[in-house]
Amino acid sequence: MIYSQDIDKKCAVCQYAEKQGEDEIYCAKKKQAVPFNSDACDKFCYDILKRHTRRRKKLKTNFNPEDFKL
């Protein structure tokens, strides 16, 4: 669920984190760089817009218009 209490607390989805590079994030509260997948500190505030979303796979189908005629 999006707003559940059991979210994975990582600095990558914190409101105060800004991505610096591939492996590094700058924390505005700590005022220092931290690793991308490090565990969050006590000042963690979840930002839903930074969450990585998984996309559905496209179905491999070979339907023709004739398949849908009655």
Protein backbone atom coordinates (compact mmCIF):
# COMPACT_ATOMS: atom_id res chain seq x y z
CA MET A 1 0.00 0.00 0.00
CA ILE A 2 1.15 3.52 -0.66
CA TYR A 3 0.53 5.00 2.77
CA SER A 4 1.19 1.94 4.93
CA GLN A 5 3.23 2.19 8.10
CA ASP A 6 5.58 -0.63 7.09
CA ILE A 7 7.41 1.20 4.29
CA ASP A 8 11.09 0.53 3.76
CA LYS A 9 12.88 3.52 5.29
CA LYS A 10 15.71 4.34 2.88
CA CYS A 11 17.35 7.69 2.21
CA ALA A 12 16.44 7.32 -1.48
CA VAL A 13 12.75 8.04 -0.77
CA CYS A 14 13.22 10.71 1.90
CA GLN A 15 11.83 14.20 1.41
CA TYR A 16 15.14 15.80 2.43
CA ALA A 17 17.34 13.79 0.03
CA GLU A 18 18.58 15.05 -3.33
CA LYS A 19 20.33 12.78 -5.79
CA GLN A 20 23.96 13.82 -6.40
CA GLY A 21 25.15 10.98 -8.59
CA GLU A 22 24.59 7.30 -9.27
CA ASP A 23 25.66 6.13 -5.81
CA GLU A 24 25.26 9.21 -3.65
CA ILE A 25 22.51 11.35 -2.13
CA TYR A 26 22.82 14.70 -0.37
CA CYS A 27 20.79 14.94 2.84
CA ALA A 28 19.57 18.48 3.59
CA LYS A 29 18.99 17.67 7.28
CA LYS A 30 22.39 16.06 7.90
CA LYS A 31 24.08 18.47 5.47
CA GLN A 32 26.27 15.69 4.10
CA ALA A 33 26.38 13.08 1.36
CA VAL A 34 25.15 9.59 2.17
CA PRO A 35 25.15 6.33 0.15
CA PHE A 36 22.11 5.77 -2.08
CA ASN A 37 20.68 2.71 -0.31
CA SER A 38 21.62 3.58 3.25
CA ASP A 39 19.07 3.22 6.04
CA ALA A 40 17.24 6.38 6.98
CA CYS A 41 17.90 8.43 10.10
CA ASP A 42 15.44 9.75 12.70
CA LYS A 43 14.59 12.74 10.48
CA PHE A 44 13.17 10.50 7.74
CA CYS A 45 10.07 11.89 6.04
CA TYR A 46 8.56 9.73 3.26
CA ASP A 47 8.13 11.34 -0.16
CA ILE A 48 5.77 9.34 -2.36
CA LEU A 49 7.01 11.04 -5.55
CA LYS A 50 10.51 9.58 -5.12
CA ARG A 51 9.21 6.03 -4.93
CA HIS A 52 10.29 3.70 -7.72
CA THR A 53 7.26 2.23 -9.44
CA ARG A 54 7.22 -1.10 -11.18
CA ARG A 55 5.57 -1.17 -14.58
CA ARG A 56 3.46 -4.03 -15.84
CA LYS A 57 4.91 -6.17 -18.56
CA LYS A 58 3.23 -5.92 -21.93
CA LEU A 59 1.32 -9.01 -22.88
CA LYS A 60 2.66 -10.90 -25.84
CA THR A 61 -0.44 -11.54 -27.86
CA ASN A 62 -1.09 -12.12 -31.51
CA PHE A 63 -4.76 -11.20 -31.69
CA ASN A 64 -6.38 -10.29 -34.98
CA PRO A 65 -9.58 -8.33 -35.51
CA GLU A 66 -11.19 -11.62 -36.61
CA ASP A 67 -10.69 -13.02 -33.11
CA PHE A 68 -13.19 -10.51 -31.73
CA LYS A 69 -16.00 -10.95 -34.24
CA LEU A 70 -19.19 -12.57 -33.04
